[in-house]
């Protein structure tokens, strides 16, 4: 997936009112303002109340649902690109929440969304602290190690190891 394809997908999701923000590898690359590796997919958070419109828009572009773990996430593939859609809900205090597989909620506090750059365009993405937090609790793959090294370039170890949540 190229930066142009990412930007096209974000424009599509914006056009249906989904207010997308990116996480995962592309989110890290947005924070460091350059593409640093090949990406298998685009992890994108969208307003949960716009999910039907997001799915319709992606399916109209030839995407097919390949993984349905709703309400947590749904992954779509068009044979070239993969989009991993995560529905989020405003929490009423400036933050967000997402359904967790165990029936709980992932909480994203106010300030979890920041600006980054992809292809010279400003995009909304998960903050460095949030990115570091979500890279825990599972065995790290080489791409995760790569992403964490980049996050360490922009955060001190104390911010990553002792989140204020």
N, C-alpha and C. Protein backbone atom coordinates (compact mmCIF):
# COMPACT_ATOMS: atom_id res chain seq x y z
N UNK A 1 0.85 -1.18 0.00
CA UNK A 1 0.00 0.00 0.00
C UNK A 1 0.89 1.24 0.00
N UNK A 2 0.60 2.17 -0.87
CA UNK A 2 1.40 3.39 -0.98
C UNK A 2 0.76 4.53 -0.21
N UNK A 3 1.51 5.60 -0.01
CA UNK A 3 0.97 6.76 0.67
C UNK A 3 -0.19 7.37 -0.11
N UNK A 4 -0.14 7.32 -1.43
CA UNK A 4 -1.24 7.86 -2.25
C UNK A 4 -2.50 7.03 -2.02
N UNK A 5 -2.36 5.71 -1.94
CA UNK A 5 -3.52 4.85 -1.69
C UNK A 5 -4.11 5.11 -0.30
N UNK A 6 -3.24 5.33 0.69
CA UNK A 6 -3.71 5.65 2.04
C UNK A 6 -4.51 6.95 2.02
N UNK A 7 -3.97 7.96 1.37
CA UNK A 7 -4.66 9.25 1.31
C UNK A 7 -6.00 9.13 0.59
N UNK A 8 -6.03 8.36 -0.49
CA UNK A 8 -7.30 8.15 -1.22
C UNK A 8 -8.33 7.48 -0.32
N UNK A 9 -7.90 6.49 0.45
CA UNK A 9 -8.83 5.81 1.37
C UNK A 9 -9.33 6.75 2.45
N UNK A 10 -8.44 7.59 2.98
CA UNK A 10 -8.86 8.55 4.01
C UNK A 10 -9.87 9.54 3.45
N UNK A 11 -9.64 10.02 2.23
CA UNK A 11 -10.60 10.93 1.59
C UNK A 11 -11.95 10.25 1.43
N UNK A 12 -11.94 8.98 1.01
CA UNK A 12 -13.19 8.23 0.86
C UNK A 12 -13.92 8.14 2.20
N UNK A 13 -13.20 7.81 3.26
CA UNK A 13 -13.82 7.67 4.58
C UNK A 13 -14.30 9.01 5.11
N UNK A 14 -13.55 10.07 4.84
CA UNK A 14 -13.99 11.42 5.23
C UNK A 14 -15.27 11.79 4.50
N UNK A 15 -15.40 11.36 3.24
CA UNK A 15 -16.57 11.74 2.44
C UNK A 15 -17.88 11.15 2.98
N UNK A 16 -17.79 10.11 3.81
CA UNK A 16 -19.00 9.53 4.41
C UNK A 16 -19.15 9.94 5.87
N UNK A 17 -18.36 10.92 6.30
CA UNK A 17 -18.49 11.47 7.65
C UNK A 17 -17.89 10.61 8.75
N UNK A 18 -16.95 9.72 8.41
CA UNK A 18 -16.41 8.77 9.39
C UNK A 18 -15.33 9.36 10.30
N UNK A 19 -14.84 10.57 9.99
CA UNK A 19 -13.78 11.21 10.77
C UNK A 19 -12.62 10.25 11.07
N UNK A 20 -12.01 9.67 10.04
CA UNK A 20 -10.99 8.64 10.26
C UNK A 20 -9.71 9.16 10.91
N UNK A 21 -9.11 8.29 11.72
CA UNK A 21 -7.75 8.53 12.21
C UNK A 21 -7.03 7.20 12.18
N UNK A 22 -5.74 7.27 11.88
CA UNK A 22 -4.99 6.04 11.63
C UNK A 22 -4.12 5.65 12.81
N UNK A 23 -3.91 4.36 12.91
CA UNK A 23 -3.05 3.78 13.94
C UNK A 23 -2.16 2.75 13.26
N UNK A 24 -1.52 1.91 14.04
CA UNK A 24 -0.67 0.88 13.46
C UNK A 24 0.53 1.46 12.74
N UNK A 25 1.07 0.68 11.82
CA UNK A 25 2.28 1.08 11.11
C UNK A 25 2.18 2.38 10.37
N UNK A 26 1.06 2.59 9.65
CA UNK A 26 0.89 3.86 8.96
C UNK A 26 0.77 5.01 9.95
N UNK A 27 0.16 4.75 11.10
CA UNK A 27 0.07 5.79 12.13
C UNK A 27 1.44 6.19 12.65
N UNK A 28 2.30 5.21 12.85
CA UNK A 28 3.67 5.50 13.29
C UNK A 28 4.40 6.28 12.19
N UNK A 29 4.27 5.83 10.95
CA UNK A 29 4.92 6.54 9.85
C UNK A 29 4.41 7.98 9.72
N UNK A 30 3.12 8.20 9.98
CA UNK A 30 2.58 9.56 9.95
C UNK A 30 3.25 10.41 11.03
N UNK A 31 3.48 9.82 12.20
CA UNK A 31 4.12 10.56 13.29
C UNK A 31 5.55 10.96 12.95
N UNK A 32 6.29 10.08 12.28
CA UNK A 32 7.68 10.40 11.92
C UNK A 32 7.76 11.09 10.56
N UNK A 33 6.59 11.26 9.93
CA UNK A 33 6.43 12.04 8.71
C UNK A 33 7.16 11.48 7.50
N UNK A 34 7.28 10.14 7.47
CA UNK A 34 7.88 9.48 6.30
C UNK A 34 7.50 8.00 6.33
N UNK A 35 7.42 7.40 5.15
CA UNK A 35 7.15 5.97 5.11
C UNK A 35 8.46 5.25 5.39
N UNK A 36 8.44 4.37 6.40
CA UNK A 36 9.66 3.70 6.83
C UNK A 36 9.70 2.22 6.50
N UNK A 37 8.56 1.67 6.07
CA UNK A 37 8.52 0.24 5.77
C UNK A 37 7.33 -0.05 4.88
N UNK A 38 7.27 -1.26 4.38
CA UNK A 38 6.13 -1.74 3.62
C UNK A 38 5.02 -2.10 4.62
N UNK A 39 3.80 -1.76 4.28
CA UNK A 39 2.66 -2.01 5.17
C UNK A 39 1.71 -3.01 4.53
N UNK A 40 1.26 -3.98 5.33
CA UNK A 40 0.29 -4.97 4.87
C UNK A 40 -1.11 -4.37 4.79
N UNK A 41 -1.39 -3.42 5.71
CA UNK A 41 -2.74 -2.88 5.79
C UNK A 41 -2.73 -1.45 6.31
N UNK A 42 -3.91 -0.89 6.34
CA UNK A 42 -4.14 0.42 6.95
C UNK A 42 -5.09 0.19 8.11
N UNK A 43 -4.63 0.48 9.33
CA UNK A 43 -5.48 0.42 10.51
C UNK A 43 -6.12 1.78 10.67
N UNK A 44 -7.45 1.82 10.61
CA UNK A 44 -8.15 3.10 10.65
C UNK A 44 -9.31 3.04 11.63
N UNK A 45 -9.37 4.04 12.47
CA UNK A 45 -10.45 4.20 13.43
C UNK A 45 -11.50 5.08 12.76
N UNK A 46 -12.77 4.69 12.90
CA UNK A 46 -13.87 5.46 12.31
C UNK A 46 -14.99 5.59 13.33
N UNK A 47 -15.80 6.62 13.17
CA UNK A 47 -16.96 6.77 14.05
C UNK A 47 -17.87 5.56 13.89
N UNK A 48 -18.19 4.94 15.01
CA UNK A 48 -19.02 3.73 14.98
C UNK A 48 -20.38 3.99 14.35
N UNK A 49 -20.93 5.18 14.56
CA UNK A 49 -22.25 5.45 13.98
C UNK A 49 -22.21 5.69 12.47
N UNK A 50 -21.01 5.67 11.89
CA UNK A 50 -20.85 5.79 10.44
C UNK A 50 -20.34 4.49 9.81
N UNK A 51 -20.28 3.42 10.60
CA UNK A 51 -19.70 2.17 10.12
C UNK A 51 -20.42 1.63 8.88
N UNK A 52 -21.73 1.67 8.86
CA UNK A 52 -22.47 1.15 7.70
C UNK A 52 -22.06 1.90 6.43
N UNK A 53 -21.92 3.23 6.54
CA UNK A 53 -21.52 4.03 5.38
C UNK A 53 -20.08 3.72 4.98
N UNK A 54 -19.21 3.49 5.96
CA UNK A 54 -17.82 3.14 5.67
C UNK A 54 -17.77 1.82 4.90
N UNK A 55 -18.48 0.83 5.40
CA UNK A 55 -18.49 -0.48 4.74
C UNK A 55 -19.07 -0.38 3.33
N UNK A 56 -20.16 0.36 3.18
CA UNK A 56 -20.75 0.54 1.85
C UNK A 56 -19.76 1.20 0.90
N UNK A 57 -19.10 2.26 1.36
CA UNK A 57 -18.15 2.99 0.50
C UNK A 57 -16.99 2.09 0.08
N UNK A 58 -16.46 1.32 1.02
CA UNK A 58 -15.35 0.42 0.68
C UNK A 58 -15.81 -0.70 -0.25
N UNK A 59 -16.97 -1.26 0.01
CA UNK A 59 -17.47 -2.33 -0.84
C UNK A 59 -17.79 -1.80 -2.24
N UNK A 60 -18.25 -0.56 -2.35
CA UNK A 60 -18.47 0.05 -3.67
C UNK A 60 -17.17 0.19 -4.45
N UNK A 61 -16.04 0.24 -3.73
CA UNK A 61 -14.72 0.34 -4.37
C UNK A 61 -14.09 -1.03 -4.60
N UNK A 62 -14.84 -2.10 -4.35
CA UNK A 62 -14.36 -3.45 -4.64
C UNK A 62 -13.77 -4.19 -3.44
N UNK A 63 -13.87 -3.61 -2.25
CA UNK A 63 -13.38 -4.30 -1.06
C UNK A 63 -14.39 -5.34 -0.61
N UNK A 64 -13.87 -6.44 -0.07
CA UNK A 64 -14.68 -7.54 0.43
C UNK A 64 -14.27 -7.80 1.88
N UNK A 65 -15.25 -8.03 2.73
CA UNK A 65 -14.96 -8.35 4.13
C UNK A 65 -14.27 -9.70 4.19
N UNK A 66 -13.09 -9.73 4.83
CA UNK A 66 -12.34 -10.98 4.99
C UNK A 66 -12.26 -11.42 6.44
N UNK A 67 -12.40 -10.49 7.36
CA UNK A 67 -12.40 -10.79 8.79
C UNK A 67 -13.46 -9.93 9.44
N UNK A 68 -14.42 -10.55 10.11
CA UNK A 68 -15.48 -9.80 10.78
C UNK A 68 -15.47 -10.13 12.26
N UNK A 69 -14.85 -9.27 13.03
CA UNK A 69 -14.82 -9.40 14.48
C UNK A 69 -15.60 -8.25 15.12
N UNK A 70 -16.62 -7.81 14.43
CA UNK A 70 -17.41 -6.71 14.97
C UNK A 70 -18.08 -7.14 16.28
N UNK A 71 -18.17 -6.26 17.23
CA UNK A 71 -18.02 -4.81 17.13
C UNK A 71 -16.59 -4.29 17.29
N UNK A 72 -15.60 -5.18 17.39
CA UNK A 72 -14.22 -4.76 17.63
C UNK A 72 -13.56 -4.21 16.36
N UNK A 73 -13.62 -4.99 15.27
CA UNK A 73 -12.96 -4.59 14.03
C UNK A 73 -13.50 -5.41 12.88
N UNK A 74 -13.28 -4.90 11.69
CA UNK A 74 -13.63 -5.62 10.47
C UNK A 74 -12.55 -5.31 9.44
N UNK A 75 -12.07 -6.34 8.77
CA UNK A 75 -11.00 -6.17 7.80
C UNK A 75 -11.56 -6.41 6.40
N UNK A 76 -11.17 -5.55 5.47
CA UNK A 76 -11.62 -5.65 4.08
C UNK A 76 -10.41 -5.66 3.17
N UNK A 77 -10.56 -6.35 2.04
CA UNK A 77 -9.45 -6.54 1.10
C UNK A 77 -10.00 -6.38 -0.31
N UNK A 78 -9.26 -5.66 -1.16
CA UNK A 78 -9.66 -5.55 -2.56
C UNK A 78 -8.73 -6.32 -3.49
N UNK A 79 -7.90 -7.18 -2.91
CA UNK A 79 -6.94 -7.95 -3.69
C UNK A 79 -5.59 -7.26 -3.79
N UNK A 80 -5.55 -5.97 -3.47
CA UNK A 80 -4.30 -5.20 -3.50
C UNK A 80 -4.06 -4.54 -2.15
N UNK A 81 -5.12 -3.96 -1.61
CA UNK A 81 -5.04 -3.23 -0.35
C UNK A 81 -5.90 -3.92 0.71
N UNK A 82 -5.48 -3.77 1.97
CA UNK A 82 -6.24 -4.29 3.10
C UNK A 82 -6.51 -3.12 4.04
N UNK A 83 -7.77 -2.98 4.45
CA UNK A 83 -8.16 -1.93 5.38
C UNK A 83 -8.74 -2.60 6.62
N UNK A 84 -8.16 -2.29 7.77
CA UNK A 84 -8.60 -2.84 9.05
C UNK A 84 -9.36 -1.72 9.78
N UNK A 85 -10.67 -1.81 9.78
CA UNK A 85 -11.55 -0.76 10.29
C UNK A 85 -11.92 -1.05 11.75
N UNK A 86 -11.70 -0.04 12.59
CA UNK A 86 -12.00 -0.14 14.03
C UNK A 86 -13.04 0.92 14.39
N UNK A 87 -14.27 0.52 14.70
CA UNK A 87 -15.29 1.51 15.09
C UNK A 87 -15.00 2.05 16.50
N UNK A 88 -15.08 3.37 16.63
CA UNK A 88 -14.87 4.01 17.93
C UNK A 88 -16.07 4.90 18.26
N UNK A 89 -16.24 5.11 19.55
CA UNK A 89 -17.37 5.89 20.07
C UNK A 89 -16.82 7.05 20.90
N UNK A 90 -17.37 8.26 20.77
CA UNK A 90 -16.95 9.33 21.68
C UNK A 90 -17.37 8.97 23.11
N UNK A 91 -16.51 9.33 24.08
CA UNK A 91 -16.82 8.95 25.46
C UNK A 91 -17.47 10.08 26.26
N UNK A 92 -17.71 11.23 25.61
CA UNK A 92 -18.36 12.34 26.29
C UNK A 92 -17.40 13.27 27.01
N UNK A 93 -16.12 12.89 27.11
CA UNK A 93 -15.15 13.75 27.81
C UNK A 93 -13.97 14.10 26.91
N UNK A 94 -14.17 14.01 25.59
CA UNK A 94 -13.10 14.36 24.66
C UNK A 94 -12.27 13.18 24.21
N UNK A 95 -12.54 12.01 24.77
CA UNK A 95 -11.82 10.81 24.38
C UNK A 95 -12.72 9.87 23.59
N UNK A 96 -12.27 8.63 23.47
CA UNK A 96 -12.95 7.65 22.65
C UNK A 96 -12.91 6.30 23.35
N UNK A 97 -13.79 5.40 22.93
CA UNK A 97 -13.70 4.00 23.36
C UNK A 97 -14.02 3.11 22.18
N UNK A 98 -13.44 1.91 22.25
CA UNK A 98 -13.64 0.89 21.23
C UNK A 98 -13.99 -0.40 21.95
N UNK A 99 -14.88 -1.17 21.38
CA UNK A 99 -15.23 -2.46 21.96
C UNK A 99 -13.99 -3.36 21.98
N UNK A 100 -13.84 -4.13 23.04
CA UNK A 100 -12.76 -5.11 23.16
C UNK A 100 -13.33 -6.50 22.97
N UNK A 101 -12.50 -7.46 22.55
CA UNK A 101 -13.00 -8.82 22.30
C UNK A 101 -13.64 -9.48 23.52
N UNK A 102 -13.20 -9.11 24.71
CA UNK A 102 -13.72 -9.74 25.92
C UNK A 102 -15.03 -9.10 26.41
N UNK A 103 -15.57 -8.19 25.62
CA UNK A 103 -16.79 -7.50 26.02
C UNK A 103 -16.52 -6.19 26.73
N UNK A 104 -15.27 -5.92 27.06
CA UNK A 104 -14.90 -4.67 27.71
C UNK A 104 -14.71 -3.57 26.68
N UNK A 105 -13.94 -2.57 27.10
CA UNK A 105 -13.68 -1.42 26.23
C UNK A 105 -12.22 -1.03 26.29
N UNK A 106 -11.69 -0.69 25.12
CA UNK A 106 -10.41 0.00 25.05
C UNK A 106 -10.73 1.48 25.18
N UNK A 107 -9.99 2.17 26.02
CA UNK A 107 -10.23 3.61 26.22
C UNK A 107 -9.08 4.41 25.64
N UNK A 108 -9.45 5.44 24.90
CA UNK A 108 -8.48 6.34 24.29
C UNK A 108 -8.76 7.74 24.84
N UNK A 109 -7.96 8.20 25.79
CA UNK A 109 -8.26 9.46 26.46
C UNK A 109 -8.13 10.68 25.53
N UNK A 110 -8.69 11.77 26.00
CA UNK A 110 -8.54 13.03 25.27
C UNK A 110 -7.05 13.24 24.96
N UNK A 111 -6.76 13.72 23.78
CA UNK A 111 -5.37 13.91 23.37
C UNK A 111 -4.79 12.71 22.64
N UNK A 112 -5.59 11.67 22.46
CA UNK A 112 -5.11 10.45 21.79
C UNK A 112 -4.97 10.62 20.28
N UNK A 113 -5.60 11.67 19.73
CA UNK A 113 -5.53 11.92 18.30
C UNK A 113 -4.68 13.16 18.07
N UNK A 114 -3.68 13.01 17.22
CA UNK A 114 -2.78 14.11 16.90
C UNK A 114 -2.65 14.19 15.38
N UNK A 115 -1.90 15.15 14.92
CA UNK A 115 -1.64 15.29 13.50
C UNK A 115 -0.33 14.64 13.12
N UNK A 116 -0.30 14.10 11.92
CA UNK A 116 0.91 13.54 11.35
C UNK A 116 0.92 13.85 9.86
N UNK A 117 1.92 13.37 9.17
CA UNK A 117 2.01 13.61 7.73
C UNK A 117 2.15 12.31 6.97
N UNK A 118 1.37 12.19 5.91
CA UNK A 118 1.54 11.09 4.95
C UNK A 118 1.54 11.74 3.58
N UNK A 119 2.57 11.48 2.82
CA UNK A 119 2.65 12.04 1.48
C UNK A 119 2.53 13.55 1.45
N UNK A 120 3.02 14.21 2.49
CA UNK A 120 2.97 15.66 2.57
C UNK A 120 1.63 16.22 3.00
N UNK A 121 0.66 15.37 3.30
CA UNK A 121 -0.67 15.82 3.74
C UNK A 121 -0.84 15.54 5.23
N UNK A 122 -1.42 16.49 5.93
CA UNK A 122 -1.71 16.30 7.34
C UNK A 122 -2.87 15.32 7.49
N UNK A 123 -2.67 14.34 8.37
CA UNK A 123 -3.70 13.34 8.66
C UNK A 123 -3.86 13.24 10.16
N UNK A 124 -5.00 12.74 10.59
CA UNK A 124 -5.23 12.47 12.01
C UNK A 124 -4.72 11.07 12.32
N UNK A 125 -3.98 10.96 13.42
CA UNK A 125 -3.42 9.65 13.78
C UNK A 125 -3.34 9.51 15.30
N UNK A 126 -3.15 8.26 15.72
CA UNK A 126 -2.99 7.97 17.14
C UNK A 126 -1.71 8.62 17.65
N UNK A 127 -1.77 9.16 18.85
CA UNK A 127 -0.61 9.84 19.44
C UNK A 127 0.53 8.86 19.68
N UNK A 128 1.74 9.37 19.82
CA UNK A 128 2.87 8.48 20.11
C UNK A 128 2.66 7.64 21.37
N UNK A 129 2.12 8.24 22.42
CA UNK A 129 1.90 7.49 23.67
C UNK A 129 0.87 6.38 23.44
N UNK A 130 -0.22 6.70 22.75
CA UNK A 130 -1.23 5.68 22.47
C UNK A 130 -0.65 4.57 21.61
N UNK A 131 0.12 4.93 20.59
CA UNK A 131 0.74 3.92 19.73
C UNK A 131 1.62 2.98 20.56
N UNK A 132 2.41 3.55 21.46
CA UNK A 132 3.29 2.72 22.29
C UNK A 132 2.47 1.79 23.19
N UNK A 133 1.37 2.31 23.73
CA UNK A 133 0.52 1.50 24.62
C UNK A 133 -0.09 0.31 23.90
N UNK A 134 -0.50 0.50 22.66
CA UNK A 134 -1.17 -0.60 21.96
C UNK A 134 -0.17 -1.63 21.44
N UNK A 135 1.12 -1.33 21.53
CA UNK A 135 2.16 -2.30 21.16
C UNK A 135 2.59 -3.10 22.39
N UNK A 136 1.62 -3.50 23.20
CA UNK A 136 1.94 -4.30 24.37
C UNK A 136 0.88 -5.37 24.56
N UNK A 137 1.22 -6.40 25.32
CA UNK A 137 0.27 -7.45 25.63
C UNK A 137 0.22 -8.57 24.61
N UNK A 138 1.15 -8.59 23.67
CA UNK A 138 1.20 -9.66 22.68
C UNK A 138 2.64 -9.82 22.23
N UNK A 139 3.00 -10.98 21.69
CA UNK A 139 4.37 -11.17 21.20
C UNK A 139 4.66 -10.23 20.03
N UNK A 140 5.74 -9.48 20.15
CA UNK A 140 6.07 -8.50 19.12
C UNK A 140 6.62 -9.17 17.86
N UNK A 141 6.11 -8.73 16.73
CA UNK A 141 6.61 -9.16 15.43
C UNK A 141 7.73 -8.20 15.02
N UNK A 142 8.51 -8.55 14.02
CA UNK A 142 9.57 -7.62 13.56
C UNK A 142 9.04 -6.23 13.21
N UNK A 143 7.85 -6.13 12.61
CA UNK A 143 7.31 -4.81 12.28
C UNK A 143 6.97 -4.02 13.54
N UNK A 144 6.54 -4.71 14.60
CA UNK A 144 6.24 -4.03 15.86
C UNK A 144 7.52 -3.50 16.50
N UNK A 145 8.58 -4.29 16.45
CA UNK A 145 9.88 -3.85 16.98
C UNK A 145 10.34 -2.61 16.21
N UNK A 146 10.19 -2.64 14.90
CA UNK A 146 10.54 -1.50 14.06
C UNK A 146 9.75 -0.26 14.47
N UNK A 147 8.42 -0.42 14.60
CA UNK A 147 7.56 0.71 14.97
C UNK A 147 7.91 1.26 16.35
N UNK A 148 8.16 0.38 17.30
CA UNK A 148 8.53 0.84 18.64
C UNK A 148 9.85 1.60 18.64
N UNK A 149 10.79 1.18 17.82
CA UNK A 149 12.07 1.91 17.72
C UNK A 149 11.82 3.33 17.22
N UNK A 150 10.92 3.48 16.26
CA UNK A 150 10.58 4.81 15.77
C UNK A 150 9.89 5.64 16.84
N UNK A 151 8.99 5.00 17.59
CA UNK A 151 8.32 5.72 18.66
C UNK A 151 9.31 6.17 19.73
N UNK A 152 10.33 5.36 19.99
CA UNK A 152 11.35 5.74 20.97
C UNK A 152 12.12 6.97 20.51
N UNK A 153 12.18 7.19 19.19
CA UNK A 153 12.85 8.39 18.68
C UNK A 153 12.10 9.66 19.06
N UNK A 154 10.78 9.55 19.23
CA UNK A 154 9.99 10.76 19.52
C UNK A 154 9.45 10.80 20.95
N UNK A 155 9.63 9.76 21.70
CA UNK A 155 9.19 9.72 23.10
C UNK A 155 10.34 9.32 24.00
N UNK A 156 10.29 9.77 25.22
CA UNK A 156 11.26 9.28 26.20
C UNK A 156 10.79 7.93 26.70
N UNK A 157 11.69 7.11 27.20
CA UNK A 157 11.33 5.79 27.72
C UNK A 157 10.31 5.88 28.84
N UNK A 158 10.39 6.93 29.66
CA UNK A 158 9.43 7.06 30.77
C UNK A 158 8.01 7.22 30.26
N UNK A 159 7.81 7.95 29.16
CA UNK A 159 6.46 8.12 28.62
C UNK A 159 5.91 6.80 28.10
N UNK A 160 6.77 5.96 27.53
CA UNK A 160 6.32 4.70 26.98
C UNK A 160 6.07 3.68 28.09
N UNK A 161 6.96 3.62 29.07
CA UNK A 161 6.88 2.59 30.09
C UNK A 161 5.92 2.95 31.22
N UNK A 162 5.63 4.23 31.42
CA UNK A 162 4.76 4.65 32.52
C UNK A 162 3.66 5.56 32.01
N UNK A 163 2.73 5.03 31.22
CA UNK A 163 1.67 5.88 30.68
C UNK A 163 0.80 6.44 31.79
N UNK A 164 0.33 7.64 31.60
CA UNK A 164 -0.50 8.31 32.63
C UNK A 164 -1.97 8.07 32.33
N UNK A 165 -2.40 6.84 32.46
CA UNK A 165 -3.81 6.51 32.17
C UNK A 165 -4.46 5.89 33.37
